[in-house]
Amino acid sequence: MEGIELAGLLAQIQANTAIAVGLIFAAAALGTGIGFALLGGKFLEGAARQPELAGMLQVRMFIIAGLLDALSIIGVAFAALLLFANPLLGAVQGAVGG
């Protein structure tokens, strides 16, 4: 009977982890999309107001775009950690002794 309860607990942890990974992916995509939309809009607005500064603004826009991508990649890496090397499963298995 104890093995069935452990299997159910491990399945529940895996299911909740899959939901969390999906939410992390969704939040990373949504945040990056909103960030790029705001960044592109402000760049176009600034370039339209002062065309002589468009080159400098473009360089700064690409730097910020790289930082936006880096933030979403960190979220994806954390989600991959939870998906493939779940520390919660290890803690439960270690507590049970299996």
Protein backbone atom coordinates (compact mmCIF):
# COMPACT_ATOMS: atom_id res chain seq x y z
CA MET A 1 0.00 0.00 0.00
CA GLU A 2 2.87 2.36 0.75
CA GLY A 3 4.24 1.99 -2.79
CA ILE A 4 0.90 3.06 -4.26
CA GLU A 5 0.81 6.20 -2.09
CA LEU A 6 4.39 7.06 -3.08
CA ALA A 7 3.59 6.54 -6.76
CA GLY A 8 0.56 8.82 -6.44
CA LEU A 9 2.62 11.50 -4.68
CA LEU A 10 5.34 11.34 -7.34
CA ALA A 11 2.74 11.55 -10.12
CA GLN A 12 1.15 14.58 -8.45
CA ILE A 13 4.55 16.30 -8.17
CA GLN A 14 5.26 15.61 -11.84
CA ALA A 15 1.84 16.92 -12.89
CA ASN A 16 2.22 20.12 -10.87
CA THR A 17 5.74 20.56 -12.25
CA ALA A 18 4.41 20.27 -15.81
CA ILE A 19 1.82 22.96 -15.06
CA ALA A 20 4.50 25.21 -13.52
CA VAL A 21 6.77 24.74 -16.55
CA GLY A 22 3.91 25.71 -18.86
CA LEU A 23 3.21 28.83 -16.80
CA ILE A 24 6.90 29.79 -16.83
CA PHE A 25 7.04 29.42 -20.63
CA ALA A 26 3.85 31.45 -21.03
CA ALA A 27 5.06 34.23 -18.71
CA ALA A 28 8.44 34.39 -20.47
CA ALA A 29 6.80 34.62 -23.89
CA LEU A 30 4.22 37.17 -22.79
CA GLY A 31 6.74 39.35 -20.97
CA THR A 32 9.20 39.28 -23.85
CA GLY A 33 6.46 40.07 -26.36
CA ILE A 34 5.22 43.04 -24.35
CA GLY A 35 8.78 44.24 -23.82
CA PHE A 36 9.63 44.08 -27.53
CA ALA A 37 6.39 45.85 -28.43
CA LEU A 38 7.11 48.72 -26.05
CA LEU A 39 10.76 48.87 -27.10
CA GLY A 40 9.96 48.93 -30.82
CA GLY A 41 7.24 51.53 -30.39
CA LYS A 42 9.44 53.85 -28.37
CA PHE A 43 12.31 53.39 -30.85
CA LEU A 44 10.11 54.32 -33.79
CA GLU A 45 8.71 57.27 -31.87
CA GLY A 46 12.17 58.54 -30.98
CA ALA A 47 13.51 58.04 -34.51
CA ALA A 48 10.54 59.89 -35.97
CA ARG A 49 11.02 62.83 -33.62
CA GLN A 50 14.79 63.11 -34.11
CA PRO A 51 15.96 61.25 -37.23
CA GLU A 52 19.58 62.28 -36.70
CA LEU A 53 19.71 60.17 -33.51
CA ALA A 54 18.25 57.04 -35.13
CA GLY A 55 21.63 55.27 -35.33
CA MET A 56 22.42 55.78 -31.66
CA LEU A 57 18.88 54.80 -30.67
CA GLN A 58 19.10 51.65 -32.77
CA VAL A 59 22.29 50.53 -31.01
CA ARG A 60 20.69 51.06 -27.62
CA MET A 61 17.53 49.29 -28.75
CA PHE A 62 19.51 46.19 -29.71
CA ILE A 63 21.32 46.18 -26.36
CA ILE A 64 18.00 46.28 -24.51
CA ALA A 65 16.59 43.61 -26.87
CA GLY A 66 19.49 41.34 -25.89
CA LEU A 67 18.73 41.88 -22.22
CA LEU A 68 15.05 41.09 -22.82
CA ASP A 69 16.00 37.84 -24.54
CA ALA A 70 18.42 36.95 -21.76
CA LEU A 71 15.69 37.32 -19.17
CA SER A 72 13.35 34.94 -21.01
CA ILE A 73 16.18 32.44 -21.57
CA ILE A 74 16.84 32.39 -17.82
CA GLY A 75 13.17 31.50 -17.29
CA VAL A 76 13.38 28.74 -19.90
CA ALA A 77 16.55 27.35 -18.27
CA PHE A 78 14.84 27.29 -14.87
CA ALA A 79 11.85 25.52 -16.39
CA ALA A 80 14.16 22.95 -18.02
CA LEU A 81 15.79 22.37 -14.65
CA LEU A 82 12.41 21.66 -13.10
CA LEU A 83 11.41 19.45 -15.99
CA PHE A 84 14.51 17.27 -16.31
CA ALA A 85 16.21 17.42 -12.89
CA ASN A 86 13.31 18.04 -10.53
CA PRO A 87 14.66 18.67 -7.02
CA LEU A 88 11.20 18.04 -5.53
CA LEU A 89 11.18 14.44 -6.73
CA GLY A 90 14.62 13.86 -5.26
CA ALA A 91 13.56 15.26 -1.91
CA VAL A 92 10.50 13.01 -1.73
CA GLN A 93 12.41 9.92 -2.82
CA GLY A 94 15.18 10.70 -0.34
CA ALA A 95 12.70 11.12 2.52
CA VAL A 96 11.08 7.77 1.75
CA GLY A 97 14.42 6.05 1.28
CA GLY A 98 13.90 4.95 -2.32
